[in-house]
Amino acid sequence: MAKVILQLGELTCPSCMTKIRKAVENQDGVSNVKVLFNAGKVRADIDQSKVTGDDLSTVITDLGYEVKKVKTKELA
């Protein structure tokens, strides 16, 4: 397992946050999704054998939102 943090471009409304959260949650191997509206970040635990941070970046980009940075950290 790993924790992924995706730094987003500006989120303009709470419905954007919900749309992103649902899309990320629907990916196989993703759990504990949190979208931090004011910080413009998405945090999630991922099973890297099923999904990567770059995969989640693509999901968010395909929704029309900007992903500025992807950071993945292995969980002990």
PDB file of N, CA and C in Angstrom:
ATOM      1  N   MET A   1       0.844  -1.196   0.000  1.00  0.00           N
ATOM      2  CA  MET A   1       0.000   0.000   0.000  1.00  0.00           C
ATOM      3  C   MET A   1       0.879   1.245   0.000  1.00  0.00           C
ATOM      4  N   ALA A   2       0.304   2.294  -0.556  1.00  0.00           N
ATOM      5  CA  ALA A   2       0.988   3.581  -0.609  1.00  0.00           C
ATOM      6  C   ALA A   2      -0.048   4.681  -0.429  1.00  0.00           C
ATOM      7  N   LYS A   3       0.433   5.839  -0.035  1.00  0.00           N
ATOM      8  CA  LYS A   3      -0.408   7.028   0.062  1.00  0.00           C
ATOM      9  C   LYS A   3      -0.034   7.915  -1.115  1.00  0.00           C
ATOM     10  N   VAL A   4      -1.037   8.402  -1.825  1.00  0.00           N
ATOM     11  CA  VAL A   4      -0.793   9.308  -2.946  1.00  0.00           C
ATOM     12  C   VAL A   4      -1.448  10.648  -2.629  1.00  0.00           C
ATOM     13  N   ILE A   5      -0.729  11.718  -2.956  1.00  0.00           N
ATOM     14  CA  ILE A   5      -1.256  13.073  -2.808  1.00  0.00           C
ATOM     15  C   ILE A   5      -1.145  13.737  -4.177  1.00  0.00           C
ATOM     16  N   LEU A   6      -2.261  14.232  -4.665  1.00  0.00           N
ATOM     17  CA  LEU A   6      -2.291  14.920  -5.950  1.00  0.00           C
ATOM     18  C   LEU A   6      -2.606  16.387  -5.708  1.00  0.00           C
ATOM     19  N   GLN A   7      -1.710  17.257  -6.140  1.00  0.00           N
ATOM     20  CA  GLN A   7      -1.930  18.699  -6.022  1.00  0.00           C
ATOM     21  C   GLN A   7      -2.689  19.152  -7.261  1.00  0.00           C
ATOM     22  N   LEU A   8      -3.852  19.743  -7.038  1.00  0.00           N
ATOM     23  CA  LEU A   8      -4.724  20.140  -8.139  1.00  0.00           C
ATOM     24  C   LEU A   8      -4.589  21.618  -8.440  1.00  0.00           C
ATOM     25  N   GLY A   9      -5.089  21.987  -9.617  1.00  0.00           N
ATOM     26  CA  GLY A   9      -5.276  23.395  -9.920  1.00  0.00           C
ATOM     27  C   GLY A   9      -6.441  23.895  -9.076  1.00  0.00           C
ATOM     28  N   GLU A  10      -6.857  25.084  -9.303  1.00  0.00           N
ATOM     29  CA  GLU A  10      -7.912  25.686  -8.482  1.00  0.00           C
ATOM     30  C   GLU A  10      -9.240  24.948  -8.614  1.00  0.00           C
ATOM     31  N   LEU A  11      -9.829  24.614  -7.468  1.00  0.00           N
ATOM     32  CA  LEU A  11     -11.188  24.077  -7.432  1.00  0.00           C
ATOM     33  C   LEU A  11     -12.126  25.248  -7.172  1.00  0.00           C
ATOM     34  N   THR A  12     -13.170  25.360  -7.981  1.00  0.00           N
ATOM     35  CA  THR A  12     -14.025  26.538  -7.885  1.00  0.00           C
ATOM     36  C   THR A  12     -15.332  26.322  -7.138  1.00  0.00           C
ATOM     37  N   CYS A  13     -15.700  25.044  -6.902  1.00  0.00           N
ATOM     38  CA  CYS A  13     -16.970  24.808  -6.217  1.00  0.00           C
ATOM     39  C   CYS A  13     -16.951  23.444  -5.521  1.00  0.00           C
ATOM     40  N   PRO A  14     -17.762  23.298  -4.485  1.00  0.00           N
ATOM     41  CA  PRO A  14     -17.823  22.016  -3.771  1.00  0.00           C
ATOM     42  C   PRO A  14     -18.267  20.846  -4.650  1.00  0.00           C
ATOM     43  N   SER A  15     -19.061  21.107  -5.687  1.00  0.00           N
ATOM     44  CA  SER A  15     -19.484  20.002  -6.546  1.00  0.00           C
ATOM     45  C   SER A  15     -18.300  19.433  -7.328  1.00  0.00           C
ATOM     46  N   CYS A  16     -17.302  20.265  -7.602  1.00  0.00           N
ATOM     47  CA  CYS A  16     -16.065  19.777  -8.244  1.00  0.00           C
ATOM     48  C   CYS A  16     -15.402  18.741  -7.339  1.00  0.00           C
ATOM     49  N   MET A  17     -15.355  19.042  -6.066  1.00  0.00           N
ATOM     50  CA  MET A  17     -14.750  18.171  -5.077  1.00  0.00           C
ATOM     51  C   MET A  17     -15.458  16.812  -5.054  1.00  0.00           C
ATOM     52  N   THR A  18     -16.774  16.826  -5.076  1.00  0.00           N
ATOM     53  CA  THR A  18     -17.550  15.594  -5.048  1.00  0.00           C
ATOM     54  C   THR A  18     -17.325  14.777  -6.309  1.00  0.00           C
ATOM     55  N   LYS A  19     -17.307  15.421  -7.447  1.00  0.00           N
ATOM     56  CA  LYS A  19     -17.089  14.752  -8.729  1.00  0.00           C
ATOM     57  C   LYS A  19     -15.726  14.050  -8.752  1.00  0.00           C
ATOM     58  N   ILE A  20     -14.691  14.742  -8.282  1.00  0.00           N
ATOM     59  CA  ILE A  20     -13.338  14.175  -8.244  1.00  0.00           C
ATOM     60  C   ILE A  20     -13.286  13.003  -7.263  1.00  0.00           C
ATOM     61  N   ARG A  21     -13.850  13.192  -6.068  1.00  0.00           N
ATOM     62  CA  ARG A  21     -13.823  12.133  -5.052  1.00  0.00           C
ATOM     63  C   ARG A  21     -14.474  10.857  -5.577  1.00  0.00           C
ATOM     64  N   LYS A  22     -15.639  10.980  -6.177  1.00  0.00           N
ATOM     65  CA  LYS A  22     -16.351   9.803  -6.677  1.00  0.00           C
ATOM     66  C   LYS A  22     -15.571   9.104  -7.788  1.00  0.00           C
ATOM     67  N   ALA A  23     -14.973   9.865  -8.684  1.00  0.00           N
ATOM     68  CA  ALA A  23     -14.206   9.278  -9.783  1.00  0.00           C
ATOM     69  C   ALA A  23     -12.982   8.524  -9.268  1.00  0.00           C
ATOM     70  N   VAL A  24     -12.307   9.096  -8.281  1.00  0.00           N
ATOM     71  CA  VAL A  24     -11.116   8.443  -7.710  1.00  0.00           C
ATOM     72  C   VAL A  24     -11.530   7.207  -6.907  1.00  0.00           C
ATOM     73  N   GLU A  25     -12.597   7.318  -6.124  1.00  0.00           N
ATOM     74  CA  GLU A  25     -13.083   6.181  -5.327  1.00  0.00           C
ATOM     75  C   GLU A  25     -13.475   4.990  -6.199  1.00  0.00           C
ATOM     76  N   ASN A  26     -13.930   5.244  -7.407  1.00  0.00           N
ATOM     77  CA  ASN A  26     -14.384   4.183  -8.298  1.00  0.00           C
ATOM     78  C   ASN A  26     -13.250   3.393  -8.947  1.00  0.00           C
ATOM     79  N   GLN A  27     -12.016   3.808  -8.723  1.00  0.00           N
ATOM     80  CA  GLN A  27     -10.878   3.093  -9.304  1.00  0.00           C
ATOM     81  C   GLN A  27     -10.525   1.890  -8.425  1.00  0.00           C
ATOM     82  N   ASP A  28     -10.248   0.773  -9.063  1.00  0.00           N
ATOM     83  CA  ASP A  28      -9.865  -0.444  -8.351  1.00  0.00           C
ATOM     84  C   ASP A  28      -8.540  -0.214  -7.623  1.00  0.00           C
ATOM     85  N   GLY A  29      -8.475  -0.606  -6.363  1.00  0.00           N
ATOM     86  CA  GLY A  29      -7.246  -0.479  -5.587  1.00  0.00           C
ATOM     87  C   GLY A  29      -7.109   0.832  -4.841  1.00  0.00           C
ATOM     88  N   VAL A  30      -8.187   1.619  -4.773  1.00  0.00           N
ATOM     89  CA  VAL A  30      -8.151   2.923  -4.099  1.00  0.00           C
ATOM     90  C   VAL A  30      -9.054   2.892  -2.867  1.00  0.00           C
ATOM     91  N   SER A  31      -8.559   3.461  -1.765  1.00  0.00           N
ATOM     92  CA  SER A  31      -9.364   3.557  -0.548  1.00  0.00           C
ATOM     93  C   SER A  31      -9.028   4.859   0.186  1.00  0.00           C
ATOM     94  N   ASN A  32      -9.848   5.198   1.165  1.00  0.00           N
ATOM     95  CA  ASN A  32      -9.624   6.358   2.037  1.00  0.00           C
ATOM     96  C   ASN A  32      -9.387   7.649   1.260  1.00  0.00           C
ATOM     97  N   VAL A  33     -10.266   7.942   0.320  1.00  0.00           N
ATOM     98  CA  VAL A  33     -10.113   9.143  -0.510  1.00  0.00           C
ATOM     99  C   VAL A  33     -10.603  10.370   0.249  1.00  0.00           C
ATOM    100  N   LYS A  34      -9.785  11.414   0.223  1.00  0.00           N
ATOM    101  CA  LYS A  34     -10.163  12.698   0.804  1.00  0.00           C
ATOM    102  C   LYS A  34      -9.796  13.786  -0.198  1.00  0.00           C
ATOM    103  N   VAL A  35     -10.738  14.686  -0.469  1.00  0.00           N
ATOM    104  CA  VAL A  35     -10.464  15.844  -1.303  1.00  0.00           C
ATOM    105  C   VAL A  35     -10.477  17.053  -0.383  1.00  0.00           C
ATOM    106  N   LEU A  36      -9.361  17.751  -0.331  1.00  0.00           N
ATOM    107  CA  LEU A  36      -9.217  18.926   0.526  1.00  0.00           C
ATOM    108  C   LEU A  36      -9.438  20.166  -0.332  1.00  0.00           C
ATOM    109  N   PHE A  37     -10.642  20.703  -0.264  1.00  0.00           N
ATOM    110  CA  PHE A  37     -11.062  21.784  -1.147  1.00  0.00           C
ATOM    111  C   PHE A  37     -10.148  23.002  -1.031  1.00  0.00           C
ATOM    112  N   ASN A  38      -9.953  23.505   0.173  1.00  0.00           N
ATOM    113  CA  ASN A  38      -9.164  24.728   0.357  1.00  0.00           C
ATOM    114  C   ASN A  38      -7.694  24.543  -0.009  1.00  0.00           C
ATOM    115  N   ALA A  39      -7.162  23.355   0.216  1.00  0.00           N
ATOM    116  CA  ALA A  39      -5.758  23.079  -0.108  1.00  0.00           C
ATOM    117  C   ALA A  39      -5.576  22.652  -1.564  1.00  0.00           C
ATOM    118  N   GLY A  40      -6.675  22.288  -2.223  1.00  0.00           N
ATOM    119  CA  GLY A  40      -6.593  21.840  -3.611  1.00  0.00           C
ATOM    120  C   GLY A  40      -5.832  20.529  -3.755  1.00  0.00           C
ATOM    121  N   LYS A  41      -6.097  19.594  -2.835  1.00  0.00           N
ATOM    122  CA  LYS A  41      -5.395  18.316  -2.850  1.00  0.00           C
ATOM    123  C   LYS A  41      -6.355  17.148  -2.773  1.00  0.00           C
ATOM    124  N   VAL A  42      -5.918  16.039  -3.347  1.00  0.00           N
ATOM    125  CA  VAL A  42      -6.608  14.768  -3.197  1.00  0.00           C
ATOM    126  C   VAL A  42      -5.631  13.824  -2.515  1.00  0.00           C
ATOM    127  N   ARG A  43      -6.086  13.162  -1.464  1.00  0.00           N
ATOM    128  CA  ARG A  43      -5.276  12.148  -0.770  1.00  0.00           C
ATOM    129  C   ARG A  43      -6.012  10.829  -0.848  1.00  0.00           C
ATOM    130  N   ALA A  44      -5.240   9.745  -1.050  1.00  0.00           N
ATOM    131  CA  ALA A  44      -5.854   8.424  -1.104  1.00  0.00           C
ATOM    132  C   ALA A  44      -4.808   7.364  -0.808  1.00  0.00           C
ATOM    133  N   ASP A  45      -5.274   6.238  -0.295  1.00  0.00           N
ATOM    134  CA  ASP A  45      -4.424   5.058  -0.150  1.00  0.00           C
ATOM    135  C   ASP A  45      -4.623   4.228  -1.410  1.00  0.00           C
ATOM    136  N   ILE A  46      -3.515   3.702  -1.955  1.00  0.00           N
ATOM    137  CA  ILE A  46      -3.618   2.920  -3.180  1.00  0.00           C
ATOM    138  C   ILE A  46      -2.851   1.614  -3.069  1.00  0.00           C
ATOM    139  N   ASP A  47      -3.343   0.618  -3.757  1.00  0.00           N
ATOM    140  CA  ASP A  47      -2.644  -0.643  -3.951  1.00  0.00           C
ATOM    141  C   ASP A  47      -1.935  -0.504  -5.289  1.00  0.00           C
ATOM    142  N   GLN A  48      -0.613  -0.317  -5.254  1.00  0.00           N
ATOM    143  CA  GLN A  48       0.135  -0.014  -6.466  1.00  0.00           C
ATOM    144  C   GLN A  48       0.195  -1.170  -7.460  1.00  0.00           C
ATOM    145  N   SER A  49      -0.256  -2.353  -7.053  1.00  0.00           N
ATOM    146  CA  SER A  49      -0.339  -3.446  -8.018  1.00  0.00           C
ATOM    147  C   SER A  49      -1.578  -3.293  -8.904  1.00  0.00           C
ATOM    148  N   LYS A  50      -2.502  -2.377  -8.497  1.00  0.00           N
ATOM    149  CA  LYS A  50      -3.740  -2.165  -9.242  1.00  0.00           C
ATOM    150  C   LYS A  50      -3.855  -0.772  -9.854  1.00  0.00           C
ATOM    151  N   VAL A  51      -3.264   0.219  -9.212  1.00  0.00           N
ATOM    152  CA  VAL A  51      -3.417   1.603  -9.664  1.00  0.00           C
ATOM    153  C   VAL A  51      -2.210   2.412  -9.194  1.00  0.00           C
ATOM    154  N   THR A  52      -1.861   3.447  -9.962  1.00  0.00           N
ATOM    155  CA  THR A  52      -0.750   4.325  -9.591  1.00  0.00           C
ATOM    156  C   THR A  52      -1.251   5.753  -9.427  1.00  0.00           C
ATOM    157  N   GLY A  53      -0.400   6.583  -8.870  1.00  0.00           N
ATOM    158  CA  GLY A  53      -0.725   7.997  -8.763  1.00  0.00           C
ATOM    159  C   GLY A  53      -0.940   8.628 -10.131  1.00  0.00           C
ATOM    160  N   ASP A  54      -0.150   8.193 -11.113  1.00  0.00           N
ATOM    161  CA  ASP A  54      -0.318   8.719 -12.470  1.00  0.00           C
ATOM    162  C   ASP A  54      -1.664   8.297 -13.072  1.00  0.00           C
ATOM    163  N   ASP A  55      -2.115   7.084 -12.733  1.00  0.00           N
ATOM    164  CA  ASP A  55      -3.447   6.647 -13.185  1.00  0.00           C
ATOM    165  C   ASP A  55      -4.525   7.580 -12.633  1.00  0.00           C
ATOM    166  N   LEU A  56      -4.408   7.921 -11.359  1.00  0.00           N
ATOM    167  CA  LEU A  56      -5.397   8.810 -10.740  1.00  0.00           C
ATOM    168  C   LEU A  56      -5.312  10.209 -11.330  1.00  0.00           C
ATOM    169  N   SER A  57      -4.111  10.650 -11.641  1.00  0.00           N
ATOM    170  CA  SER A  57      -3.928  11.937 -12.300  1.00  0.00           C
ATOM    171  C   SER A  57      -4.677  11.959 -13.629  1.00  0.00           C
ATOM    172  N   THR A  58      -4.586  10.879 -14.384  1.00  0.00           N
ATOM    173  CA  THR A  58      -5.287  10.779 -15.670  1.00  0.00           C
ATOM    174  C   THR A  58      -6.798  10.827 -15.475  1.00  0.00           C
ATOM    175  N   VAL A  59      -7.305  10.123 -14.448  1.00  0.00           N
ATOM    176  CA  VAL A  59      -8.739  10.130 -14.155  1.00  0.00           C
ATOM    177  C   VAL A  59      -9.213  11.560 -13.891  1.00  0.00           C
ATOM    178  N   ILE A  60      -8.464  12.294 -13.089  1.00  0.00           N
ATOM    179  CA  ILE A  60      -8.846  13.666 -12.735  1.00  0.00           C
ATOM    180  C   ILE A  60      -8.723  14.589 -13.944  1.00  0.00           C
ATOM    181  N   THR A  61      -7.667  14.438 -14.711  1.00  0.00           N
ATOM    182  CA  THR A  61      -7.469  15.253 -15.913  1.00  0.00           C
ATOM    183  C   THR A  61      -8.583  15.006 -16.925  1.00  0.00           C
ATOM    184  N   ASP A  62      -8.988  13.741 -17.053  1.00  0.00           N
ATOM    185  CA  ASP A  62     -10.076  13.401 -17.977  1.00  0.00           C
ATOM    186  C   ASP A  62     -11.402  14.052 -17.577  1.00  0.00           C
ATOM    187  N   LEU A  63     -11.538  14.402 -16.304  1.00  0.00           N
ATOM    188  CA  LEU A  63     -12.735  15.119 -15.843  1.00  0.00           C
ATOM    189  C   LEU A  63     -12.668  16.610 -16.178  1.00  0.00           C
ATOM    190  N   GLY A  64     -11.484  17.069 -16.604  1.00  0.00           N
ATOM    191  CA  GLY A  64     -11.319  18.471 -16.965  1.00  0.00           C
ATOM    192  C   GLY A  64     -10.609  19.316 -15.931  1.00  0.00           C
ATOM    193  N   TYR A  65     -10.004  18.668 -14.934  1.00  0.00           N
ATOM    194  CA  TYR A  65      -9.296  19.405 -13.883  1.00  0.00           C
ATOM    195  C   TYR A  65      -7.794  19.246 -14.063  1.00  0.00           C
ATOM    196  N   GLU A  66      -7.054  20.241 -13.588  1.00  0.00           N
ATOM    197  CA  GLU A  66      -5.600  20.233 -13.708  1.00  0.00           C
ATOM    198  C   GLU A  66      -4.972  19.529 -12.502  1.00  0.00           C
ATOM    199  N   VAL A  67      -4.003  18.664 -12.769  1.00  0.00           N
ATOM    200  CA  VAL A  67      -3.195  18.056 -11.714  1.00  0.00           C
ATOM    201  C   VAL A  67      -1.789  18.617 -11.874  1.00  0.00           C
ATOM    202  N   LYS A  68      -1.321  19.335 -10.855  1.00  0.00           N
ATOM    203  CA  LYS A  68      -0.016  19.987 -10.929  1.00  0.00           C
ATOM    204  C   LYS A  68       1.124  19.082 -10.482  1.00  0.00           C
ATOM    205  N   LYS A  69       0.842  18.191  -9.532  1.00  0.00           N
ATOM    206  CA  LYS A  69       1.912  17.376  -8.956  1.00  0.00           C
ATOM    207  C   LYS A  69       1.327  16.093  -8.379  1.00  0.00           C
ATOM    208  N   VAL A  70       2.081  14.999  -8.511  1.00  0.00           N
ATOM    209  CA  VAL A  70       1.688  13.706  -7.943  1.00  0.00           C
ATOM    210  C   VAL A  70       2.825  13.248  -7.041  1.00  0.00           C
ATOM    211  N   LYS A  71       2.483  12.930  -5.793  1.00  0.00           N
ATOM    212  CA  LYS A  71       3.486  12.433  -4.840  1.00  0.00           C
ATOM    213  C   LYS A  71       2.982  11.120  -4.246  1.00  0.00           C
ATOM    214  N   THR A  72       3.816  10.082  -4.313  1.00  0.00           N
ATOM    215  CA  THR A  72       3.443   8.776  -3.770  1.00  0.00           C
ATOM    216  C   THR A  72       4.450   8.387  -2.708  1.00  0.00           C
ATOM    217  N   LYS A  73       3.938   7.904  -1.567  1.00  0.00           N
ATOM    218  CA  LYS A  73       4.792   7.488  -0.464  1.00  0.00           C
ATOM    219  C   LYS A  73       4.373   6.097  -0.015  1.00  0.00           C
ATOM    220  N   GLU A  74       5.342   5.187   0.039  1.00  0.00           N
ATOM    221  CA  GLU A  74       5.071   3.820   0.500  1.00  0.00           C
ATOM    222  C   GLU A  74       4.673   3.841   1.970  1.00  0.00           C
ATOM    223  N   LEU A  75       3.664   3.050   2.326  1.00  0.00           N
ATOM    224  CA  LEU A  75       3.255   2.914   3.714  1.00  0.00           C
ATOM    225  C   LEU A  75       3.953   1.696   4.304  1.00  0.00           C
ATOM    226  N   ALA A  76       4.452   1.841   5.503  1.00  0.00           N
ATOM    227  CA  ALA A  76       5.181   0.741   6.150  1.00  0.00           C
ATOM    228  C   ALA A  76       4.257  -0.369   6.584  1.00  0.00           C
TER     229      ALA A  76
END
